[in-house]
Amino acid sequence: MKWYIAKCPTGAEHNAIKEFRELLMKTHQSEMFEEYCVPYEKSHKRTSNRSNMANYVFIRMDLVQSVQSLFSKLETMNLMLDENLDPVVISDEEVAIMKAKLEEALIQKAHVFEVGETVRVLEAPFEDFTATIEKVDEAKEIASVSVPILGRHISVELPFKSIKRITD
């Protein structure tokens, strides 16, 4: 079995998989499906999930011709194709790396930043600078940080994903 990429409407990833699995069961091909992964991160403040790669689902399955033809019957999901019109295959390692990054994002989001906390900036133009949290907007997932530059402190708003805690 291999991993394939499927595209579906944003927010409908789980319903699209449910529809696909039901179609596999109706055609007695459920053994061709092993698992799936929706690349999302859970929000600590919201009851919903937010997709990191909106519209995509990774499906581990045995893509025989009869299974591939089922995608034409689905309204909510299509296989991603390469330039030769073959389904895009991704390796187990690529999926494992993606899952690890999502898990890391969940761990980082579990702790909301606090005013006065020291962080490292992860993105340009202040990449690798150390900054201090001045204000936190949990709803927007943005922090105002103070970045020391040439003896002065510059206040910058950055998304949570652009900063990382500095651990002792």
C-alpha atoms as a PDB file:
ATOM      1  CA  MET A   1       0.000   0.000   0.000  1.00  0.00           C
ATOM      2  CA  LYS A   2       1.141   3.526  -0.793  1.00  0.00           C
ATOM      3  CA  TRP A   3       0.244   7.057   0.254  1.00  0.00           C
ATOM      4  CA  TYR A   4      -1.647   9.212  -2.249  1.00  0.00           C
ATOM      5  CA  ILE A   5      -2.758  12.839  -2.142  1.00  0.00           C
ATOM      6  CA  ALA A   6      -6.416  13.684  -2.679  1.00  0.00           C
ATOM      7  CA  LYS A   7      -7.976  17.120  -2.968  1.00  0.00           C
ATOM      8  CA  CYS A   8     -11.370  18.043  -1.528  1.00  0.00           C
ATOM      9  CA  PRO A   9     -13.281  21.144  -0.374  1.00  0.00           C
ATOM     10  CA  THR A  10     -11.886  22.954   2.662  1.00  0.00           C
ATOM     11  CA  GLY A  11     -13.462  21.699   5.853  1.00  0.00           C
ATOM     12  CA  ALA A  12     -14.943  18.640   4.126  1.00  0.00           C
ATOM     13  CA  GLU A  13     -11.882  16.410   4.413  1.00  0.00           C
ATOM     14  CA  HIS A  14     -13.390  13.910   6.884  1.00  0.00           C
ATOM     15  CA  ASN A  15     -16.732  13.784   5.059  1.00  0.00           C
ATOM     16  CA  ALA A  16     -14.938  13.157   1.759  1.00  0.00           C
ATOM     17  CA  ILE A  17     -13.050  10.223   3.310  1.00  0.00           C
ATOM     18  CA  LYS A  18     -16.295   8.895   4.794  1.00  0.00           C
ATOM     19  CA  GLU A  19     -17.948   9.026   1.351  1.00  0.00           C
ATOM     20  CA  PHE A  20     -14.928   7.284  -0.224  1.00  0.00           C
ATOM     21  CA  ARG A  21     -14.906   4.513   2.397  1.00  0.00           C
ATOM     22  CA  GLU A  22     -18.650   3.952   1.958  1.00  0.00           C
ATOM     23  CA  LEU A  23     -18.147   3.621  -1.784  1.00  0.00           C
ATOM     24  CA  LEU A  24     -15.326   1.121  -1.203  1.00  0.00           C
ATOM     25  CA  MET A  25     -17.604  -0.926   1.057  1.00  0.00           C
ATOM     26  CA  LYS A  26     -20.442  -0.891  -1.504  1.00  0.00           C
ATOM     27  CA  THR A  27     -18.061  -2.188  -4.158  1.00  0.00           C
ATOM     28  CA  HIS A  28     -16.525  -4.775  -1.776  1.00  0.00           C
ATOM     29  CA  GLN A  29     -13.088  -3.166  -1.921  1.00  0.00           C
ATOM     30  CA  SER A  30     -12.689  -1.904   1.647  1.00  0.00           C
ATOM     31  CA  GLU A  31      -9.507  -3.997   2.061  1.00  0.00           C
ATOM     32  CA  MET A  32      -7.828  -1.637  -0.425  1.00  0.00           C
ATOM     33  CA  PHE A  33      -8.006   1.202   2.109  1.00  0.00           C
ATOM     34  CA  GLU A  34      -5.642   1.258   5.092  1.00  0.00           C
ATOM     35  CA  GLU A  35      -5.654   4.729   6.670  1.00  0.00           C
ATOM     36  CA  TYR A  36      -5.797   8.448   6.026  1.00  0.00           C
ATOM     37  CA  CYS A  37      -4.348  11.635   7.439  1.00  0.00           C
ATOM     38  CA  VAL A  38      -5.832  15.122   7.354  1.00  0.00           C
ATOM     39  CA  PRO A  39      -3.041  17.629   7.962  1.00  0.00           C
ATOM     40  CA  TYR A  40      -4.630  19.806  10.643  1.00  0.00           C
ATOM     41  CA  GLU A  41      -3.829  21.276  13.993  1.00  0.00           C
ATOM     42  CA  LYS A  42      -6.220  21.486  16.907  1.00  0.00           C
ATOM     43  CA  SER A  43      -6.824  24.929  18.254  1.00  0.00           C
ATOM     44  CA  HIS A  44      -6.663  25.209  22.035  1.00  0.00           C
ATOM     45  CA  LYS A  45      -9.305  27.955  22.065  1.00  0.00           C
ATOM     46  CA  ARG A  46     -11.736  26.696  19.447  1.00  0.00           C
ATOM     47  CA  THR A  47     -13.850  23.602  19.138  1.00  0.00           C
ATOM     48  CA  SER A  48     -12.926  23.236  15.472  1.00  0.00           C
ATOM     49  CA  ASN A  49      -9.741  22.141  13.737  1.00  0.00           C
ATOM     50  CA  ARG A  50      -7.781  24.288  11.329  1.00  0.00           C
ATOM     51  CA  SER A  51      -6.158  22.689   8.350  1.00  0.00           C
ATOM     52  CA  ASN A  52      -2.472  23.356   7.701  1.00  0.00           C
ATOM     53  CA  MET A  53      -2.873  22.210   4.118  1.00  0.00           C
ATOM     54  CA  ALA A  54      -6.465  23.083   3.353  1.00  0.00           C
ATOM     55  CA  ASN A  55      -8.186  20.905   0.771  1.00  0.00           C
ATOM     56  CA  TYR A  56      -5.805  17.938   1.036  1.00  0.00           C
ATOM     57  CA  VAL A  57      -6.071  14.434   2.466  1.00  0.00           C
ATOM     58  CA  PHE A  58      -3.344  11.801   2.467  1.00  0.00           C
ATOM     59  CA  ILE A  59      -4.698   8.299   1.855  1.00  0.00           C
ATOM     60  CA  ARG A  60      -2.801   5.029   2.310  1.00  0.00           C
ATOM     61  CA  MET A  61      -4.372   2.516  -0.042  1.00  0.00           C
ATOM     62  CA  ASP A  62      -3.819  -0.037  -2.741  1.00  0.00           C
ATOM     63  CA  LEU A  63      -4.709   1.991  -5.824  1.00  0.00           C
ATOM     64  CA  VAL A  64      -5.754  -0.669  -8.286  1.00  0.00           C
ATOM     65  CA  GLN A  65      -7.668   0.436 -11.398  1.00  0.00           C
ATOM     66  CA  SER A  66     -11.064  -0.397  -9.872  1.00  0.00           C
ATOM     67  CA  VAL A  67     -10.339   1.817  -6.842  1.00  0.00           C
ATOM     68  CA  GLN A  68      -8.945   4.625  -8.990  1.00  0.00           C
ATOM     69  CA  SER A  69     -12.130   4.605 -11.080  1.00  0.00           C
ATOM     70  CA  LEU A  70     -14.197   5.201  -7.919  1.00  0.00           C
ATOM     71  CA  PHE A  71     -12.782   8.705  -7.654  1.00  0.00           C
ATOM     72  CA  SER A  72     -14.727   9.697 -10.771  1.00  0.00           C
ATOM     73  CA  LYS A  73     -17.933   8.858  -8.854  1.00  0.00           C
ATOM     74  CA  LEU A  74     -17.023  11.138  -5.932  1.00  0.00           C
ATOM     75  CA  GLU A  75     -18.218  14.720  -5.944  1.00  0.00           C
ATOM     76  CA  THR A  76     -16.133  15.767  -2.970  1.00  0.00           C
ATOM     77  CA  MET A  77     -12.677  14.348  -3.648  1.00  0.00           C
ATOM     78  CA  ASN A  78     -10.219  13.863  -6.517  1.00  0.00           C
ATOM     79  CA  LEU A  79      -6.770  12.318  -6.654  1.00  0.00           C
ATOM     80  CA  MET A  80      -3.930  14.735  -7.260  1.00  0.00           C
ATOM     81  CA  LEU A  81      -2.246  13.920 -10.555  1.00  0.00           C
ATOM     82  CA  ASP A  82       1.281  14.607 -11.779  1.00  0.00           C
ATOM     83  CA  GLU A  83       2.279  15.974 -15.192  1.00  0.00           C
ATOM     84  CA  ASN A  84       1.824  12.486 -16.717  1.00  0.00           C
ATOM     85  CA  LEU A  85      -1.682  12.299 -15.238  1.00  0.00           C
ATOM     86  CA  ASP A  86      -0.597   9.587 -12.798  1.00  0.00           C
ATOM     87  CA  PRO A  87      -1.736   9.796  -9.150  1.00  0.00           C
ATOM     88  CA  VAL A  88       0.849  11.527  -6.932  1.00  0.00           C
ATOM     89  CA  VAL A  89       2.517   9.080  -4.531  1.00  0.00           C
ATOM     90  CA  ILE A  90       4.294  10.238  -1.381  1.00  0.00           C
ATOM     91  CA  SER A  91       6.624   8.131   0.721  1.00  0.00           C
ATOM     92  CA  ASP A  92       6.038   6.816   4.230  1.00  0.00           C
ATOM     93  CA  GLU A  93       8.937   9.037   5.331  1.00  0.00           C
ATOM     94  CA  GLU A  94       7.260  12.187   3.948  1.00  0.00           C
ATOM     95  CA  VAL A  95       4.036  11.347   5.781  1.00  0.00           C
ATOM     96  CA  ALA A  96       5.958  10.608   8.991  1.00  0.00           C
ATOM     97  CA  ILE A  97       7.759  13.963   8.758  1.00  0.00           C
ATOM     98  CA  MET A  98       4.465  15.776   8.181  1.00  0.00           C
ATOM     99  CA  LYS A  99       2.825  13.999  11.140  1.00  0.00           C
ATOM    100  CA  ALA A 100       5.812  14.869  13.366  1.00  0.00           C
ATOM    101  CA  LYS A 101       5.606  18.545  12.374  1.00  0.00           C
ATOM    102  CA  LEU A 102       1.888  18.595  13.118  1.00  0.00           C
ATOM    103  CA  GLU A 103       2.502  16.980  16.500  1.00  0.00           C
ATOM    104  CA  GLU A 104       5.199  19.559  17.252  1.00  0.00           C
ATOM    105  CA  ALA A 105       2.770  22.340  16.333  1.00  0.00           C
ATOM    106  CA  LEU A 106       0.179  20.858  18.700  1.00  0.00           C
ATOM    107  CA  ILE A 107       2.684  20.745  21.539  1.00  0.00           C
ATOM    108  CA  GLN A 108       3.780  24.332  20.916  1.00  0.00           C
ATOM    109  CA  LYS A 109       0.148  25.529  20.758  1.00  0.00           C
ATOM    110  CA  ALA A 110      -0.674  23.777  24.023  1.00  0.00           C
ATOM    111  CA  HIS A 111       1.132  26.558  25.875  1.00  0.00           C
ATOM    112  CA  VAL A 112      -0.030  30.070  25.184  1.00  0.00           C
ATOM    113  CA  PHE A 113       2.728  32.649  25.272  1.00  0.00           C
ATOM    114  CA  GLU A 114       2.883  34.952  28.284  1.00  0.00           C
ATOM    115  CA  VAL A 115       3.790  38.626  28.580  1.00  0.00           C
ATOM    116  CA  GLY A 116       7.462  38.974  29.547  1.00  0.00           C
ATOM    117  CA  GLU A 117       8.414  35.576  28.109  1.00  0.00           C
ATOM    118  CA  THR A 118      11.572  35.371  25.974  1.00  0.00           C
ATOM    119  CA  VAL A 119      11.166  33.866  22.509  1.00  0.00           C
ATOM    120  CA  ARG A 120      13.180  33.290  19.348  1.00  0.00           C
ATOM    121  CA  VAL A 121      11.876  34.722  16.071  1.00  0.00           C
ATOM    122  CA  LEU A 122      11.685  32.002  13.387  1.00  0.00           C
ATOM    123  CA  GLU A 123      10.986  34.058  10.248  1.00  0.00           C
ATOM    124  CA  ALA A 124      12.620  36.951   8.387  1.00  0.00           C
ATOM    125  CA  PRO A 125      13.326  39.821   8.683  1.00  0.00           C
ATOM    126  CA  PHE A 126      14.053  39.189  12.380  1.00  0.00           C
ATOM    127  CA  GLU A 127      14.891  35.492  12.041  1.00  0.00           C
ATOM    128  CA  ASP A 128      17.045  34.159  14.908  1.00  0.00           C
ATOM    129  CA  PHE A 129      16.580  37.339  16.967  1.00  0.00           C
ATOM    130  CA  THR A 130      15.624  37.004  20.613  1.00  0.00           C
ATOM    131  CA  ALA A 131      12.500  38.935  21.559  1.00  0.00           C
ATOM    132  CA  THR A 132      10.309  39.574  24.582  1.00  0.00           C
ATOM    133  CA  ILE A 133       6.520  39.120  24.523  1.00  0.00           C
ATOM    134  CA  GLU A 134       4.718  42.418  25.145  1.00  0.00           C
ATOM    135  CA  LYS A 135       1.125  41.461  24.335  1.00  0.00           C
ATOM    136  CA  VAL A 136      -0.717  38.264  23.375  1.00  0.00           C
ATOM    137  CA  ASP A 137      -3.880  38.021  21.275  1.00  0.00           C
ATOM    138  CA  GLU A 138      -4.971  34.388  21.685  1.00  0.00           C
ATOM    139  CA  ALA A 139      -8.009  34.746  19.415  1.00  0.00           C
ATOM    140  CA  LYS A 140      -5.889  35.903  16.464  1.00  0.00           C
ATOM    141  CA  GLU A 141      -2.886  33.814  17.566  1.00  0.00           C
ATOM    142  CA  ILE A 142      -0.615  36.855  17.333  1.00  0.00           C
ATOM    143  CA  ALA A 143       1.958  38.174  19.785  1.00  0.00           C
ATOM    144  CA  SER A 144       3.444  41.659  19.959  1.00  0.00           C
ATOM    145  CA  VAL A 145       7.130  41.241  20.659  1.00  0.00           C
ATOM    146  CA  SER A 146       9.955  43.627  21.398  1.00  0.00           C
ATOM    147  CA  VAL A 147      13.050  42.964  19.286  1.00  0.00           C
ATOM    148  CA  PRO A 148      16.308  44.676  20.327  1.00  0.00           C
ATOM    149  CA  ILE A 149      18.061  46.213  17.313  1.00  0.00           C
ATOM    150  CA  LEU A 150      21.137  48.452  17.638  1.00  0.00           C
ATOM    151  CA  GLY A 151      20.358  49.297  21.240  1.00  0.00           C
ATOM    152  CA  ARG A 152      16.697  50.152  20.552  1.00  0.00           C
ATOM    153  CA  HIS A 153      13.615  47.997  20.980  1.00  0.00           C
ATOM    154  CA  ILE A 154      11.318  47.616  17.981  1.00  0.00           C
ATOM    155  CA  SER A 155       7.754  46.378  18.562  1.00  0.00           C
ATOM    156  CA  VAL A 156       6.555  43.834  15.969  1.00  0.00           C
ATOM    157  CA  GLU A 157       3.378  41.739  15.697  1.00  0.00           C
ATOM    158  CA  LEU A 158       4.083  38.117  14.771  1.00  0.00           C
ATOM    159  CA  PRO A 159       1.884  35.040  14.438  1.00  0.00           C
ATOM    160  CA  PHE A 160       2.461  32.347  17.060  1.00  0.00           C
ATOM    161  CA  LYS A 161       3.941  30.057  14.373  1.00  0.00           C
ATOM    162  CA  SER A 162       6.700  32.620  13.777  1.00  0.00           C
ATOM    163  CA  ILE A 163       8.047  32.514  17.330  1.00  0.00           C
ATOM    164  CA  LYS A 164       9.353  29.754  19.564  1.00  0.00           C
ATOM    165  CA  ARG A 165       9.900  29.566  23.299  1.00  0.00           C
ATOM    166  CA  ILE A 166      13.469  29.648  24.466  1.00  0.00           C
ATOM    167  CA  THR A 167      13.883  26.821  26.961  1.00  0.00           C
ATOM    168  CA  ASP A 168      16.546  26.906  29.635  1.00  0.00           C
END
